[in-house]
Amino acid sequence: MSHRRRSLGIRVKYAFIRAHRREFDTAVMCRLLDVSRSGFYEWLRNPLSDRALEDQRLLGLIVAAYTASHGVYGAPRIFLDLREAGETCSKHRVARIMRANNIRALHGYRAPPVRQKLHRTPYAQHAAARLYRPTPEPSLGH
């Protein structure tokens, strides 16, 4: 996670350099902010990496599969849907993209089982009849 946090910081620094290019020298700002000048110019040409672009494309497919399942499918099933559609990615990547975009599967979506009352089932009636059978009164020998 530290690498991702660092890369977010670098992007913020690049945005700062871009905003202040007219006021200060780019090379001086890059040196003071401890970023490479070539990395800054590469970021100017392509602000989003190839992986970020691919993640955005996959996000569209993930959202489509998620809405098709009415929000029931989580990362493992959506991964299988994507694999079936011919996409090559891992379930961990699908889970990461879903987590980053706050997409979560519904839990407990099934209806609770219907519980029948105990006294209405045939077994319960039979068991109750056995349990509460009147015992014969002892004869006193008359």
Protein backbone atom coordinates (compact mmCIF):
# COMPACT_ATOMS: atom_id res chain seq x y z
CA MET A 1 0.00 0.00 0.00
CA SER A 2 2.93 2.33 0.59
CA HIS A 3 3.83 2.29 -3.11
CA ARG A 4 0.31 3.38 -4.06
CA ARG A 5 0.36 6.14 -1.44
CA ARG A 6 3.73 7.31 -2.76
CA SER A 7 2.51 7.34 -6.35
CA LEU A 8 -0.49 9.44 -5.32
CA GLY A 9 1.90 11.90 -3.70
CA ILE A 10 3.99 12.06 -6.85
CA ARG A 11 0.91 12.84 -8.94
CA VAL A 12 0.04 15.67 -6.56
CA LYS A 13 3.57 17.02 -6.93
CA TYR A 14 3.33 16.80 -10.72
CA ALA A 15 0.03 18.69 -10.64
CA PHE A 16 1.65 21.37 -8.46
CA ILE A 17 4.55 21.70 -10.90
CA ARG A 18 2.15 21.98 -13.84
CA ALA A 19 0.13 24.68 -12.05
CA HIS A 20 3.25 26.75 -11.26
CA ARG A 21 5.30 26.25 -14.44
CA ARG A 22 4.87 29.86 -15.51
CA GLU A 23 6.14 31.22 -12.19
CA PHE A 24 9.10 28.92 -11.46
CA ASP A 25 11.62 26.85 -13.39
CA THR A 26 10.49 23.25 -13.88
CA ALA A 27 13.91 21.76 -13.18
CA VAL A 28 14.20 23.64 -9.87
CA MET A 29 10.70 22.57 -8.75
CA CYS A 30 11.41 18.94 -9.67
CA ARG A 31 14.64 18.99 -7.68
CA LEU A 32 13.01 20.64 -4.64
CA LEU A 33 10.02 18.29 -4.68
CA ASP A 34 12.28 15.25 -5.21
CA VAL A 35 10.71 14.02 -8.44
CA SER A 36 12.37 13.28 -11.74
CA ARG A 37 11.99 15.79 -14.55
CA SER A 38 11.58 13.05 -17.13
CA GLY A 39 8.80 11.52 -15.02
CA PHE A 40 7.05 14.88 -14.93
CA TYR A 41 7.17 15.25 -18.71
CA GLU A 42 5.98 11.67 -19.15
CA TRP A 43 3.10 12.44 -16.80
CA LEU A 44 2.25 15.51 -18.90
CA ARG A 45 1.99 13.35 -22.00
CA ASN A 46 0.07 10.51 -20.29
CA PRO A 47 -1.54 11.53 -16.98
CA LEU A 48 -3.07 8.05 -16.62
CA SER A 49 -0.94 4.95 -16.83
CA ASP A 50 -1.81 2.01 -19.05
CA ARG A 51 -2.88 0.07 -15.97
CA ALA A 52 -5.18 2.89 -14.83
CA LEU A 53 -6.79 3.00 -18.29
CA GLU A 54 -7.25 -0.77 -18.24
CA ASP A 55 -8.72 -0.55 -14.73
CA GLN A 56 -11.26 2.03 -15.97
CA ARG A 57 -12.24 -0.27 -18.83
CA LEU A 58 -12.57 -3.21 -16.45
CA LEU A 59 -14.62 -1.06 -14.07
CA GLY A 60 -17.23 -0.60 -16.79
CA LEU A 61 -17.44 -4.38 -17.29
CA ILE A 62 -17.55 -4.98 -13.54
CA VAL A 63 -20.40 -2.49 -13.08
CA ALA A 64 -22.30 -4.12 -15.94
CA ALA A 65 -21.93 -7.58 -14.39
CA TYR A 66 -22.81 -6.22 -10.94
CA THR A 67 -26.01 -4.56 -12.13
CA ALA A 68 -26.95 -7.61 -14.19
CA SER A 69 -26.83 -9.68 -10.99
CA HIS A 70 -28.91 -7.04 -9.15
CA GLY A 71 -26.02 -6.40 -6.78
CA VAL A 72 -25.81 -9.99 -5.60
CA TYR A 73 -22.49 -11.01 -7.19
CA GLY A 74 -19.23 -10.30 -5.42
CA ALA A 75 -15.70 -10.30 -6.80
CA PRO A 76 -15.33 -14.08 -7.26
CA ARG A 77 -18.49 -14.45 -9.34
CA ILE A 78 -17.90 -11.26 -11.31
CA PHE A 79 -14.39 -12.54 -12.01
CA LEU A 80 -15.92 -15.75 -13.39
CA ASP A 81 -18.35 -13.71 -15.53
CA LEU A 82 -15.46 -11.70 -16.95
CA ARG A 83 -13.42 -14.83 -17.57
CA GLU A 84 -16.41 -16.36 -19.39
CA ALA A 85 -16.64 -13.22 -21.54
CA GLY A 86 -12.98 -13.64 -22.54
CA GLU A 87 -11.35 -11.08 -20.26
CA THR A 88 -8.00 -11.91 -18.72
CA CYS A 89 -7.61 -10.57 -15.20
CA SER A 90 -7.32 -11.99 -11.72
CA LYS A 91 -10.02 -12.13 -9.07
CA HIS A 92 -7.75 -10.08 -6.83
CA ARG A 93 -7.69 -7.29 -9.41
CA VAL A 94 -11.48 -7.42 -9.68
CA ALA A 95 -11.71 -7.27 -5.88
CA ARG A 96 -9.31 -4.32 -5.74
CA ILE A 97 -11.26 -2.37 -8.38
CA MET A 98 -14.56 -3.13 -6.63
CA ARG A 99 -13.14 -2.10 -3.25
CA ALA A 100 -11.70 1.15 -4.67
CA ASN A 101 -15.08 2.05 -6.16
CA ASN A 102 -17.11 0.95 -3.12
CA ILE A 103 -18.95 -1.83 -4.98
CA ARG A 104 -20.10 -4.50 -2.54
CA ALA A 105 -22.26 -7.57 -2.92
CA LEU A 106 -25.48 -7.84 -0.99
CA HIS A 107 -25.40 -10.27 1.92
CA GLY A 108 -28.46 -12.09 3.12
CA TYR A 109 -30.53 -11.41 0.04
CA ARG A 110 -32.46 -14.68 0.31
CA ALA A 111 -35.84 -14.76 1.99
CA PRO A 112 -35.73 -16.27 5.45
CA PRO A 113 -37.08 -19.82 5.66
CA VAL A 114 -40.72 -20.12 6.60
CA ARG A 115 -41.05 -21.71 10.01
CA GLN A 116 -44.07 -23.82 10.62
CA LYS A 117 -45.63 -23.92 14.01
CA LEU A 118 -44.73 -27.02 15.93
CA HIS A 119 -48.26 -28.15 16.66
CA ARG A 120 -49.36 -28.16 13.04
CA THR A 121 -46.90 -30.68 11.66
CA PRO A 122 -47.93 -34.35 11.63
CA TYR A 123 -44.77 -35.37 13.49
CA ALA A 124 -45.40 -32.83 16.22
CA GLN A 125 -48.97 -34.06 16.69
CA HIS A 126 -47.74 -37.64 16.96
CA ALA A 127 -44.98 -36.65 19.40
CA ALA A 128 -47.42 -34.63 21.48
CA ALA A 129 -49.82 -37.57 21.60
CA ARG A 130 -47.03 -39.82 22.90
CA LEU A 131 -45.84 -37.31 25.46
CA TYR A 132 -49.22 -36.43 26.89
CA ARG A 133 -50.88 -39.84 26.83
CA PRO A 134 -52.85 -40.27 30.00
CA THR A 135 -51.36 -42.96 32.16
CA PRO A 136 -53.76 -45.59 33.54
CA GLU A 137 -54.55 -45.17 37.17
CA PRO A 138 -53.13 -47.91 39.34
CA SER A 139 -55.70 -50.41 40.51
CA LEU A 140 -56.04 -50.87 44.23
CA GLY A 141 -56.81 -54.54 43.93
CA HIS A 142 -60.59 -54.33 44.21
